[in-house]
C-alpha atoms as a PDB file:
ATOM      1  CA  UNK A   1     218.180 200.121 212.439  1.00  0.00           C
ATOM      2  CA  UNK A   2     217.649 196.546 213.637  1.00  0.00           C
ATOM      3  CA  UNK A   3     215.129 194.396 211.886  1.00  0.00           C
ATOM      4  CA  UNK A   4     212.527 193.170 214.440  1.00  0.00           C
ATOM      5  CA  UNK A   5     212.287 189.700 212.868  1.00  0.00           C
ATOM      6  CA  UNK A   6     216.059 189.104 213.136  1.00  0.00           C
ATOM      7  CA  UNK A   7     216.080 190.249 216.768  1.00  0.00           C
ATOM      8  CA  UNK A   8     213.183 187.912 217.548  1.00  0.00           C
ATOM      9  CA  UNK A   9     214.883 184.940 215.847  1.00  0.00           C
ATOM     10  CA  UNK A  10     218.133 185.589 217.705  1.00  0.00           C
ATOM     11  CA  UNK A  11     216.283 185.725 221.021  1.00  0.00           C
ATOM     12  CA  UNK A  12     214.408 182.500 220.160  1.00  0.00           C
ATOM     13  CA  UNK A  13     217.669 180.750 219.225  1.00  0.00           C
ATOM     14  CA  UNK A  14     219.249 181.756 222.534  1.00  0.00           C
ATOM     15  CA  UNK A  15     216.171 180.562 224.438  1.00  0.00           C
ATOM     16  CA  UNK A  16     216.063 177.196 222.653  1.00  0.00           C
ATOM     17  CA  UNK A  17     219.849 176.746 223.000  1.00  0.00           C
ATOM     18  CA  UNK A  18     219.661 177.480 226.718  1.00  0.00           C
ATOM     19  CA  UNK A  19     216.788 175.025 227.180  1.00  0.00           C
ATOM     20  CA  UNK A  20     218.612 172.201 225.365  1.00  0.00           C
ATOM     21  CA  UNK A  21     221.787 172.570 227.417  1.00  0.00           C
ATOM     22  CA  UNK A  22     219.677 172.484 230.592  1.00  0.00           C
ATOM     23  CA  UNK A  23     218.149 169.166 229.516  1.00  0.00           C
ATOM     24  CA  UNK A  24     221.375 167.633 228.211  1.00  0.00           C
ATOM     25  CA  UNK A  25     222.117 164.193 229.557  1.00  0.00           C
ATOM     26  CA  UNK A  26     225.496 162.580 229.954  1.00  0.00           C
ATOM     27  CA  UNK A  27     226.585 160.085 227.313  1.00  0.00           C
ATOM     28  CA  UNK A  28     227.783 156.798 228.832  1.00  0.00           C
ATOM     29  CA  UNK A  29     230.547 155.070 226.857  1.00  0.00           C
ATOM     30  CA  UNK A  30     232.795 152.109 227.706  1.00  0.00           C
ATOM     31  CA  UNK A  31     236.435 153.011 228.382  1.00  0.00           C
ATOM     32  CA  UNK A  32     239.479 150.931 229.403  1.00  0.00           C
ATOM     33  CA  UNK A  33     240.410 150.841 233.082  1.00  0.00           C
ATOM     34  CA  UNK A  34     243.988 149.836 232.192  1.00  0.00           C
ATOM     35  CA  UNK A  35     246.200 150.242 229.138  1.00  0.00           C
ATOM     36  CA  UNK A  36     245.203 147.577 226.615  1.00  0.00           C
ATOM     37  CA  UNK A  37     247.917 146.636 224.123  1.00  0.00           C
ATOM     38  CA  UNK A  38     247.526 145.339 220.548  1.00  0.00           C
ATOM     39  CA  UNK A  39     246.715 141.634 220.581  1.00  0.00           C
ATOM     40  CA  UNK A  40     245.240 141.675 224.107  1.00  0.00           C
ATOM     41  CA  UNK A  41     241.842 140.000 224.484  1.00  0.00           C
ATOM     42  CA  UNK A  42     239.458 142.413 226.196  1.00  0.00           C
ATOM     43  CA  UNK A  43     237.813 141.122 229.392  1.00  0.00           C
ATOM     44  CA  UNK A  44     235.026 142.522 231.535  1.00  0.00           C
ATOM     45  CA  UNK A  45     237.495 143.658 234.225  1.00  0.00           C
ATOM     46  CA  UNK A  46     239.347 145.864 231.684  1.00  0.00           C
ATOM     47  CA  UNK A  47     236.261 147.971 230.874  1.00  0.00           C
ATOM     48  CA  UNK A  48     234.037 150.398 232.768  1.00  0.00           C
ATOM     49  CA  UNK A  49     231.503 152.992 231.680  1.00  0.00           C
ATOM     50  CA  UNK A  50     232.376 156.661 231.826  1.00  0.00           C
ATOM     51  CA  UNK A  51     230.183 159.709 231.503  1.00  0.00           C
ATOM     52  CA  UNK A  52     230.898 162.078 228.599  1.00  0.00           C
ATOM     53  CA  UNK A  53     229.111 165.400 228.018  1.00  0.00           C
ATOM     54  CA  UNK A  54     226.272 165.299 225.494  1.00  0.00           C
ATOM     55  CA  UNK A  55     228.347 167.606 223.288  1.00  0.00           C
ATOM     56  CA  UNK A  56     231.167 164.985 223.057  1.00  0.00           C
ATOM     57  CA  UNK A  57     232.075 164.257 219.448  1.00  0.00           C
ATOM     58  CA  UNK A  58     234.711 161.625 218.764  1.00  0.00           C
ATOM     59  CA  UNK A  59     237.005 161.870 215.736  1.00  0.00           C
ATOM     60  CA  UNK A  60     235.646 158.525 214.518  1.00  0.00           C
ATOM     61  CA  UNK A  61     232.838 156.116 215.405  1.00  0.00           C
ATOM     62  CA  UNK A  62     233.215 154.722 218.929  1.00  0.00           C
ATOM     63  CA  UNK A  63     231.965 151.577 220.631  1.00  0.00           C
ATOM     64  CA  UNK A  64     228.827 152.449 222.585  1.00  0.00           C
ATOM     65  CA  UNK A  65     228.219 149.315 224.686  1.00  0.00           C
ATOM     66  CA  UNK A  66     230.589 147.350 226.936  1.00  0.00           C
ATOM     67  CA  UNK A  67     229.209 143.968 225.835  1.00  0.00           C
ATOM     68  CA  UNK A  68     230.341 144.760 222.271  1.00  0.00           C
ATOM     69  CA  UNK A  69     233.975 144.722 223.484  1.00  0.00           C
ATOM     70  CA  UNK A  70     234.165 141.584 225.631  1.00  0.00           C
ATOM     71  CA  UNK A  71     236.156 138.842 223.890  1.00  0.00           C
ATOM     72  CA  UNK A  72     237.409 141.142 221.131  1.00  0.00           C
ATOM     73  CA  UNK A  73     241.094 141.772 220.436  1.00  0.00           C
ATOM     74  CA  UNK A  74     242.702 145.217 220.515  1.00  0.00           C
ATOM     75  CA  UNK A  75     244.181 146.254 217.169  1.00  0.00           C
ATOM     76  CA  UNK A  76     246.070 149.181 218.732  1.00  0.00           C
ATOM     77  CA  UNK A  77     246.895 150.557 222.163  1.00  0.00           C
ATOM     78  CA  UNK A  78     243.793 151.664 224.086  1.00  0.00           C
ATOM     79  CA  UNK A  79     244.377 154.181 226.869  1.00  0.00           C
ATOM     80  CA  UNK A  80     242.485 154.277 230.185  1.00  0.00           C
ATOM     81  CA  UNK A  81     239.531 156.645 230.331  1.00  0.00           C
ATOM     82  CA  UNK A  82     239.365 157.293 226.569  1.00  0.00           C
ATOM     83  CA  UNK A  83     236.498 156.307 224.263  1.00  0.00           C
ATOM     84  CA  UNK A  84     237.300 153.263 222.120  1.00  0.00           C
ATOM     85  CA  UNK A  85     237.100 153.717 218.325  1.00  0.00           C
ATOM     86  CA  UNK A  86     235.143 150.970 216.545  1.00  0.00           C
ATOM     87  CA  UNK A  87     238.074 150.232 214.245  1.00  0.00           C
ATOM     88  CA  UNK A  88     240.451 149.738 217.214  1.00  0.00           C
ATOM     89  CA  UNK A  89     239.045 146.291 218.055  1.00  0.00           C
ATOM     90  CA  UNK A  90     238.574 143.128 216.032  1.00  0.00           C
ATOM     91  CA  UNK A  91     237.069 139.679 216.456  1.00  0.00           C
ATOM     92  CA  UNK A  92     239.392 137.115 218.034  1.00  0.00           C
ATOM     93  CA  UNK A  93     241.091 134.985 215.388  1.00  0.00           C
ATOM     94  CA  UNK A  94     240.483 131.269 215.889  1.00  0.00           C
ATOM     95  CA  UNK A  95     242.631 130.156 212.959  1.00  0.00           C
ATOM     96  CA  UNK A  96     246.068 131.692 212.440  1.00  0.00           C
ATOM     97  CA  UNK A  97     247.757 132.109 209.083  1.00  0.00           C
ATOM     98  CA  UNK A  98     250.522 129.544 208.557  1.00  0.00           C
ATOM     99  CA  UNK A  99     249.562 127.362 211.555  1.00  0.00           C
ATOM    100  CA  UNK A 100     248.378 123.909 210.422  1.00  0.00           C
ATOM    101  CA  UNK A 101     244.739 123.131 211.130  1.00  0.00           C
ATOM    102  CA  UNK A 102     242.318 120.321 210.470  1.00  0.00           C
ATOM    103  CA  UNK A 103     240.168 120.595 207.346  1.00  0.00           C
ATOM    104  CA  UNK A 104     236.859 118.701 207.394  1.00  0.00           C
ATOM    105  CA  UNK A 105     234.411 117.828 204.628  1.00  0.00           C
ATOM    106  CA  UNK A 106     231.040 116.506 205.823  1.00  0.00           C
ATOM    107  CA  UNK A 107     228.081 115.552 203.657  1.00  0.00           C
ATOM    108  CA  UNK A 108     225.337 112.909 203.971  1.00  0.00           C
ATOM    109  CA  UNK A 109     227.116 111.105 206.794  1.00  0.00           C
ATOM    110  CA  UNK A 110     230.454 111.031 204.945  1.00  0.00           C
ATOM    111  CA  UNK A 111     233.314 112.748 206.769  1.00  0.00           C
ATOM    112  CA  UNK A 112     236.738 113.345 205.226  1.00  0.00           C
ATOM    113  CA  UNK A 113     239.463 114.915 207.344  1.00  0.00           C
ATOM    114  CA  UNK A 114     242.884 116.203 206.279  1.00  0.00           C
ATOM    115  CA  UNK A 115     245.400 118.824 207.347  1.00  0.00           C
ATOM    116  CA  UNK A 116     245.735 122.235 205.760  1.00  0.00           C
ATOM    117  CA  UNK A 117     247.703 125.447 206.133  1.00  0.00           C
ATOM    118  CA  UNK A 118     245.541 128.573 206.355  1.00  0.00           C
ATOM    119  CA  UNK A 119     246.658 131.322 203.979  1.00  0.00           C
ATOM    120  CA  UNK A 120     244.934 133.909 206.172  1.00  0.00           C
ATOM    121  CA  UNK A 121     243.806 134.208 209.780  1.00  0.00           C
ATOM    122  CA  UNK A 122     240.104 133.861 210.434  1.00  0.00           C
ATOM    123  CA  UNK A 123     237.380 134.423 213.005  1.00  0.00           C
ATOM    124  CA  UNK A 124     234.379 132.224 213.716  1.00  0.00           C
ATOM    125  CA  UNK A 125     232.189 131.861 210.613  1.00  0.00           C
ATOM    126  CA  UNK A 126     234.642 133.646 208.331  1.00  0.00           C
ATOM    127  CA  UNK A 127     235.480 132.120 204.945  1.00  0.00           C
ATOM    128  CA  UNK A 128     239.229 131.705 204.412  1.00  0.00           C
ATOM    129  CA  UNK A 129     241.635 130.128 201.931  1.00  0.00           C
ATOM    130  CA  UNK A 130     243.510 127.002 203.034  1.00  0.00           C
ATOM    131  CA  UNK A 131     246.239 125.053 201.244  1.00  0.00           C
ATOM    132  CA  UNK A 132     245.632 121.299 201.403  1.00  0.00           C
ATOM    133  CA  UNK A 133     248.866 119.858 202.844  1.00  0.00           C
ATOM    134  CA  UNK A 134     248.541 116.584 200.863  1.00  0.00           C
ATOM    135  CA  UNK A 135     247.682 117.943 197.405  1.00  0.00           C
ATOM    136  CA  UNK A 136     248.893 121.554 197.532  1.00  0.00           C
ATOM    137  CA  UNK A 137     245.528 122.760 196.189  1.00  0.00           C
ATOM    138  CA  UNK A 138     243.975 125.920 197.612  1.00  0.00           C
ATOM    139  CA  UNK A 139     240.442 125.479 198.919  1.00  0.00           C
ATOM    140  CA  UNK A 140     237.875 127.746 200.561  1.00  0.00           C
ATOM    141  CA  UNK A 141     236.461 126.858 203.947  1.00  0.00           C
ATOM    142  CA  UNK A 142     234.587 128.314 206.893  1.00  0.00           C
ATOM    143  CA  UNK A 143     236.233 128.661 210.325  1.00  0.00           C
ATOM    144  CA  UNK A 144     234.505 126.612 213.040  1.00  0.00           C
ATOM    145  CA  UNK A 145     234.400 127.285 216.788  1.00  0.00           C
ATOM    146  CA  UNK A 146     236.757 124.366 217.497  1.00  0.00           C
ATOM    147  CA  UNK A 147     239.476 125.747 215.181  1.00  0.00           C
ATOM    148  CA  UNK A 148     238.797 123.415 212.280  1.00  0.00           C
ATOM    149  CA  UNK A 149     237.947 124.626 208.770  1.00  0.00           C
ATOM    150  CA  UNK A 150     234.821 123.127 207.164  1.00  0.00           C
ATOM    151  CA  UNK A 151     234.581 122.801 203.399  1.00  0.00           C
ATOM    152  CA  UNK A 152     231.668 121.756 201.227  1.00  0.00           C
ATOM    153  CA  UNK A 153     228.022 122.204 202.151  1.00  0.00           C
END
């Protein structure tokens, strides 16, 4: 004998499930229009938005807005038409490990400039370690937009 409460709950679940699928909207996500290889800088022409069903569930977190991709660098190959995982892109590196760069100290109108070798690559505003070419000492500095590393306050 069926329990009337269970039958009613099953019918309600089917009704609610049917209503939700009728109201489901497409999920718009940015996808590559061409194959993007590791190290490529992503431009506006490489991205378009594609409709995914509301039930779409990616294996990992994906980028949800095209503007969040422009100017970033691909960390791995991105295939056309597929959602882009958040961990598949990275900020563009302004300073490259091992490539000499200018190190600047500025305070109260005093400016001291020297050359240094970054011990790690860095993006804008990122703090990195740099070896002072003259003294050999390792210092911490912040990557600037022009490719220099600022130390001090």
